[in-house]
Amino acid sequence: MTAKQVHEKAFLETPDGRYIIVRGRLWRKTNPRLPEEERKLLVSKLMSARRAVKEAVGRADELHTARTAVNAAKIALGERGPVWWTDGAPDLNRHLVKNTPYADWFEGLRS
């Protein structure tokens, strides 16, 4: 099993595959149509940017640059910015599951 598969199995995924659920909140998944090599490169950039954020605490200019890099990588991965699906469904990223159309499905899992 790849590291990506282990990561994805650690979280509950919505039936349509658009989000994972972490502590009752929806988080948009990476665009599944990204070629694997591109996805790997973008994840590497994201991890480097996250390390830069951690190292830049207290240095405003460096922190801003690092956070901008994190955001750019997440947009390129499809986790932020325009949605990667084409059916017109709204973006529910960061919403509590209980306040979304997934609420009944999610509650049914707990029964």
N, C-alpha and C. Protein backbone atom coordinates (compact mmCIF):
# COMPACT_ATOMS: atom_id res chain seq x y z
N MET A 1 0.85 -1.17 0.00
CA MET A 1 0.00 0.00 0.00
C MET A 1 0.89 1.24 0.00
N THR A 2 0.55 2.22 -0.83
CA THR A 2 1.35 3.43 -0.91
C THR A 2 1.03 4.35 0.27
N ALA A 3 1.89 5.33 0.49
CA ALA A 3 1.66 6.30 1.57
C ALA A 3 0.35 7.04 1.34
N LYS A 4 0.04 7.34 0.09
CA LYS A 4 -1.22 8.02 -0.23
C LYS A 4 -2.41 7.16 0.18
N GLN A 5 -2.36 5.87 -0.12
CA GLN A 5 -3.45 4.97 0.23
C GLN A 5 -3.60 4.86 1.75
N VAL A 6 -2.50 4.77 2.47
CA VAL A 6 -2.55 4.70 3.93
C VAL A 6 -3.19 5.97 4.47
N HIS A 7 -2.77 7.14 3.96
CA HIS A 7 -3.33 8.41 4.41
C HIS A 7 -4.83 8.46 4.15
N GLU A 8 -5.25 8.08 2.95
CA GLU A 8 -6.66 8.14 2.61
C GLU A 8 -7.49 7.16 3.42
N LYS A 9 -6.93 6.02 3.78
CA LYS A 9 -7.67 5.03 4.56
C LYS A 9 -7.81 5.46 6.01
N ALA A 10 -6.98 6.41 6.44
CA ALA A 10 -7.03 6.86 7.83
C ALA A 10 -8.23 7.77 8.08
N PHE A 11 -8.90 8.23 7.02
CA PHE A 11 -10.01 9.15 7.15
C PHE A 11 -11.22 8.61 6.41
N LEU A 12 -12.38 8.94 6.92
CA LEU A 12 -13.62 8.58 6.26
C LEU A 12 -13.79 9.48 5.03
N GLU A 13 -14.20 8.89 3.93
CA GLU A 13 -14.40 9.61 2.68
C GLU A 13 -15.89 9.69 2.36
N THR A 14 -16.34 10.83 1.86
CA THR A 14 -17.74 10.95 1.46
C THR A 14 -18.03 10.01 0.30
N PRO A 15 -19.29 9.59 0.14
CA PRO A 15 -19.63 8.64 -0.91
C PRO A 15 -19.25 9.08 -2.32
N ASP A 16 -19.24 10.40 -2.56
CA ASP A 16 -18.89 10.89 -3.90
C ASP A 16 -17.39 11.09 -4.08
N GLY A 17 -16.60 10.85 -3.03
CA GLY A 17 -15.14 10.94 -3.13
C GLY A 17 -14.58 12.34 -3.18
N ARG A 18 -15.39 13.33 -2.84
CA ARG A 18 -14.92 14.71 -2.91
C ARG A 18 -14.22 15.19 -1.64
N TYR A 19 -14.58 14.60 -0.50
CA TYR A 19 -14.07 15.09 0.78
C TYR A 19 -13.63 13.93 1.66
N ILE A 20 -12.74 14.26 2.59
CA ILE A 20 -12.49 13.39 3.74
C ILE A 20 -13.09 14.10 4.93
N ILE A 21 -13.36 13.35 5.98
CA ILE A 21 -13.95 13.93 7.18
C ILE A 21 -12.96 13.80 8.32
N VAL A 22 -12.63 14.93 8.91
CA VAL A 22 -11.70 14.98 10.03
C VAL A 22 -12.38 15.73 11.16
N ARG A 23 -12.59 15.04 12.29
CA ARG A 23 -13.25 15.64 13.45
C ARG A 23 -14.56 16.33 13.06
N GLY A 24 -15.36 15.65 12.23
CA GLY A 24 -16.68 16.15 11.87
C GLY A 24 -16.71 17.25 10.83
N ARG A 25 -15.56 17.53 10.21
CA ARG A 25 -15.47 18.61 9.23
C ARG A 25 -15.03 18.04 7.88
N LEU A 26 -15.61 18.60 6.80
CA LEU A 26 -15.25 18.18 5.45
C LEU A 26 -13.99 18.91 4.99
N TRP A 27 -13.10 18.14 4.36
CA TRP A 27 -11.89 18.71 3.76
C TRP A 27 -11.79 18.18 2.34
N ARG A 28 -11.70 19.08 1.38
CA ARG A 28 -11.68 18.69 -0.03
C ARG A 28 -10.45 17.84 -0.34
N LYS A 29 -10.69 16.78 -1.10
CA LYS A 29 -9.61 15.89 -1.50
C LYS A 29 -8.89 16.44 -2.73
N THR A 30 -7.72 15.91 -2.96
CA THR A 30 -6.95 16.24 -4.15
C THR A 30 -7.72 15.81 -5.40
N ASN A 31 -7.58 16.57 -6.45
CA ASN A 31 -8.22 16.26 -7.73
C ASN A 31 -7.76 14.88 -8.20
N PRO A 32 -8.66 13.92 -8.32
CA PRO A 32 -8.25 12.57 -8.72
C PRO A 32 -7.82 12.47 -10.18
N ARG A 33 -8.06 13.51 -10.96
CA ARG A 33 -7.66 13.48 -12.37
C ARG A 33 -6.23 13.98 -12.58
N LEU A 34 -5.56 14.42 -11.52
CA LEU A 34 -4.17 14.85 -11.67
C LEU A 34 -3.30 13.63 -12.01
N PRO A 35 -2.42 13.77 -12.98
CA PRO A 35 -1.48 12.68 -13.24
C PRO A 35 -0.63 12.40 -11.99
N GLU A 36 -0.32 11.14 -11.76
CA GLU A 36 0.38 10.74 -10.53
C GLU A 36 1.70 11.49 -10.34
N GLU A 37 2.47 11.66 -11.38
CA GLU A 37 3.76 12.36 -11.24
C GLU A 37 3.55 13.83 -10.85
N GLU A 38 2.56 14.46 -11.44
CA GLU A 38 2.25 15.85 -11.08
C GLU A 38 1.79 15.94 -9.64
N ARG A 39 0.94 15.00 -9.23
CA ARG A 39 0.45 14.99 -7.85
C ARG A 39 1.62 14.84 -6.88
N LYS A 40 2.53 13.92 -7.17
CA LYS A 40 3.69 13.70 -6.30
C LYS A 40 4.53 14.97 -6.19
N LEU A 41 4.76 15.64 -7.31
CA LEU A 41 5.54 16.88 -7.30
C LEU A 41 4.85 17.96 -6.47
N LEU A 42 3.55 18.09 -6.64
CA LEU A 42 2.81 19.10 -5.88
C LEU A 42 2.77 18.79 -4.39
N VAL A 43 2.62 17.52 -4.03
CA VAL A 43 2.65 17.13 -2.62
C VAL A 43 4.02 17.44 -2.03
N SER A 44 5.07 17.19 -2.78
CA SER A 44 6.43 17.50 -2.31
C SER A 44 6.57 19.01 -2.07
N LYS A 45 6.04 19.81 -2.99
CA LYS A 45 6.09 21.27 -2.82
C LYS A 45 5.28 21.69 -1.59
N LEU A 46 4.13 21.07 -1.40
CA LEU A 46 3.30 21.38 -0.24
C LEU A 46 4.03 21.05 1.06
N MET A 47 4.65 19.90 1.13
CA MET A 47 5.36 19.52 2.35
C MET A 47 6.53 20.46 2.63
N SER A 48 7.25 20.84 1.57
CA SER A 48 8.35 21.80 1.75
C SER A 48 7.84 23.14 2.25
N ALA A 49 6.72 23.57 1.70
CA ALA A 49 6.14 24.85 2.12
C ALA A 49 5.67 24.78 3.57
N ARG A 50 5.09 23.64 3.96
CA ARG A 50 4.66 23.48 5.35
C ARG A 50 5.85 23.51 6.31
N ARG A 51 6.95 22.88 5.90
CA ARG A 51 8.16 22.94 6.73
C ARG A 51 8.65 24.38 6.84
N ALA A 52 8.58 25.12 5.74
CA ALA A 52 9.00 26.52 5.75
C ALA A 52 8.14 27.35 6.69
N VAL A 53 6.84 27.07 6.73
CA VAL A 53 5.95 27.77 7.67
C VAL A 53 6.41 27.51 9.09
N LYS A 54 6.67 26.26 9.39
CA LYS A 54 7.09 25.90 10.76
C LYS A 54 8.39 26.60 11.14
N GLU A 55 9.31 26.69 10.20
CA GLU A 55 10.62 27.30 10.47
C GLU A 55 10.56 28.82 10.51
N ALA A 56 9.55 29.43 9.89
CA ALA A 56 9.48 30.89 9.76
C ALA A 56 8.73 31.58 10.88
N VAL A 57 8.24 30.84 11.85
CA VAL A 57 7.46 31.46 12.93
C VAL A 57 8.27 32.59 13.57
N GLY A 58 7.63 33.75 13.64
CA GLY A 58 8.29 34.91 14.23
C GLY A 58 8.96 35.80 13.21
N ARG A 59 9.05 35.36 11.98
CA ARG A 59 9.66 36.17 10.91
C ARG A 59 8.57 36.42 9.87
N ALA A 60 7.90 37.54 9.98
CA ALA A 60 6.68 37.84 9.22
C ALA A 60 6.83 37.68 7.71
N ASP A 61 7.90 38.22 7.14
CA ASP A 61 8.06 38.14 5.68
C ASP A 61 8.21 36.70 5.22
N GLU A 62 9.04 35.94 5.92
CA GLU A 62 9.25 34.53 5.55
C GLU A 62 7.97 33.72 5.77
N LEU A 63 7.26 34.01 6.84
CA LEU A 63 6.02 33.30 7.14
C LEU A 63 4.98 33.57 6.05
N HIS A 64 4.85 34.81 5.63
CA HIS A 64 3.91 35.14 4.56
C HIS A 64 4.27 34.41 3.27
N THR A 65 5.54 34.39 2.92
CA THR A 65 5.99 33.70 1.71
C THR A 65 5.70 32.21 1.80
N ALA A 66 5.97 31.62 2.95
CA ALA A 66 5.74 30.18 3.13
C ALA A 66 4.25 29.86 3.07
N ARG A 67 3.43 30.66 3.70
CA ARG A 67 1.97 30.42 3.67
C ARG A 67 1.42 30.60 2.26
N THR A 68 1.96 31.53 1.53
CA THR A 68 1.55 31.72 0.14
C THR A 68 1.90 30.48 -0.68
N ALA A 69 3.06 29.89 -0.42
CA ALA A 69 3.47 28.68 -1.13
C ALA A 69 2.56 27.50 -0.77
N VAL A 70 2.17 27.39 0.49
CA VAL A 70 1.23 26.32 0.90
C VAL A 70 -0.08 26.50 0.14
N ASN A 71 -0.60 27.70 0.12
CA ASN A 71 -1.86 27.96 -0.55
C ASN A 71 -1.77 27.63 -2.05
N ALA A 72 -0.68 28.04 -2.68
CA ALA A 72 -0.51 27.77 -4.12
C ALA A 72 -0.49 26.27 -4.39
N ALA A 73 0.20 25.51 -3.56
CA ALA A 73 0.26 24.05 -3.75
C ALA A 73 -1.12 23.43 -3.55
N LYS A 74 -1.86 23.89 -2.55
CA LYS A 74 -3.19 23.34 -2.29
C LYS A 74 -4.16 23.68 -3.43
N ILE A 75 -4.03 24.86 -4.00
CA ILE A 75 -4.85 25.21 -5.16
C ILE A 75 -4.50 24.32 -6.34
N ALA A 76 -3.21 24.13 -6.59
CA ALA A 76 -2.78 23.28 -7.70
C ALA A 76 -3.24 21.84 -7.53
N LEU A 77 -3.31 21.37 -6.28
CA LEU A 77 -3.79 20.02 -6.00
C LEU A 77 -5.31 19.91 -6.11
N GLY A 78 -5.99 21.03 -6.11
CA GLY A 78 -7.45 21.02 -6.18
C GLY A 78 -8.11 21.02 -4.81
N GLU A 79 -7.32 21.17 -3.76
CA GLU A 79 -7.86 21.16 -2.40
C GLU A 79 -8.42 22.51 -1.99
N ARG A 80 -8.06 23.55 -2.73
CA ARG A 80 -8.59 24.90 -2.54
C ARG A 80 -8.83 25.48 -3.92
N GLY A 81 -9.44 26.65 -3.94
CA GLY A 81 -9.69 27.30 -5.23
C GLY A 81 -10.89 26.68 -5.92
N PRO A 82 -10.94 26.79 -7.25
CA PRO A 82 -12.07 26.24 -7.99
C PRO A 82 -12.20 24.73 -7.76
N VAL A 83 -13.44 24.27 -7.69
CA VAL A 83 -13.66 22.84 -7.48
C VAL A 83 -13.25 22.06 -8.72
N TRP A 84 -12.90 20.79 -8.53
CA TRP A 84 -12.46 19.96 -9.64
C TRP A 84 -13.59 19.13 -10.24
N TRP A 85 -14.76 19.13 -9.61
CA TRP A 85 -15.88 18.39 -10.20
C TRP A 85 -16.67 19.34 -11.10
N THR A 86 -17.48 18.75 -11.97
CA THR A 86 -18.13 19.55 -13.01
C THR A 86 -19.65 19.50 -12.98
N ASP A 87 -20.24 18.97 -11.92
CA ASP A 87 -21.70 18.83 -11.89
C ASP A 87 -22.42 20.02 -11.25
N GLY A 88 -21.68 21.06 -10.91
CA GLY A 88 -22.29 22.25 -10.34
C GLY A 88 -22.53 22.20 -8.84
N ALA A 89 -22.16 21.10 -8.19
CA ALA A 89 -22.33 20.99 -6.74
C ALA A 89 -21.47 22.04 -6.04
N PRO A 90 -21.99 22.61 -4.95
CA PRO A 90 -21.23 23.65 -4.24
C PRO A 90 -20.00 23.08 -3.53
N ASP A 91 -19.08 23.96 -3.22
CA ASP A 91 -17.91 23.58 -2.45
C ASP A 91 -18.26 23.66 -0.96
N LEU A 92 -18.14 22.55 -0.27
CA LEU A 92 -18.45 22.49 1.16
C LEU A 92 -17.19 22.32 2.00
N ASN A 93 -16.05 22.64 1.42
CA ASN A 93 -14.78 22.51 2.12
C ASN A 93 -14.82 23.26 3.45
N ARG A 94 -14.39 22.60 4.48
CA ARG A 94 -14.29 23.13 5.85
C ARG A 94 -15.63 23.24 6.57
N HIS A 95 -16.72 22.85 5.95
CA HIS A 95 -18.02 22.88 6.62
C HIS A 95 -18.13 21.69 7.57
N LEU A 96 -18.87 21.88 8.64
CA LEU A 96 -19.20 20.75 9.51
C LEU A 96 -20.14 19.83 8.76
N VAL A 97 -19.90 18.54 8.82
CA VAL A 97 -20.72 17.57 8.10
C VAL A 97 -22.19 17.73 8.47
N LYS A 98 -22.46 17.97 9.73
CA LYS A 98 -23.85 18.06 10.20
C LYS A 98 -24.63 19.21 9.55
N ASN A 99 -23.93 20.15 8.94
CA ASN A 99 -24.58 21.30 8.28
C ASN A 99 -24.57 21.18 6.76
N THR A 100 -24.39 19.97 6.24
CA THR A 100 -24.29 19.77 4.79
C THR A 100 -25.25 18.69 4.32
N PRO A 101 -25.38 18.51 3.03
CA PRO A 101 -26.20 17.42 2.52
C PRO A 101 -25.69 16.02 2.91
N TYR A 102 -24.50 15.92 3.43
CA TYR A 102 -23.94 14.64 3.87
C TYR A 102 -24.39 14.27 5.29
N ALA A 103 -25.13 15.14 5.95
CA ALA A 103 -25.47 14.96 7.36
C ALA A 103 -26.19 13.64 7.63
N ASP A 104 -27.24 13.33 6.87
CA ASP A 104 -27.99 12.10 7.11
C ASP A 104 -27.13 10.87 6.87
N TRP A 105 -26.34 10.90 5.80
CA TRP A 105 -25.43 9.77 5.51
C TRP A 105 -24.46 9.58 6.68
N PHE A 106 -23.87 10.68 7.13
CA PHE A 106 -22.88 10.61 8.20
C PHE A 106 -23.51 10.11 9.50
N GLU A 107 -24.67 10.63 9.83
CA GLU A 107 -25.36 10.20 11.04
C GLU A 107 -25.71 8.71 10.96
N GLY A 108 -26.08 8.25 9.77
CA GLY A 108 -26.40 6.83 9.58
C GLY A 108 -25.22 5.92 9.85
N LEU A 109 -24.01 6.42 9.68
CA LEU A 109 -22.82 5.63 9.97
C LEU A 109 -22.63 5.41 11.46
N ARG A 110 -23.14 6.31 12.24
CA ARG A 110 -22.95 6.28 13.70
C ARG A 110 -23.98 5.40 14.38
N SER A 111 -25.04 5.05 13.66
CA SER A 111 -26.13 4.26 14.25
C SER A 111 -25.76 2.78 14.34
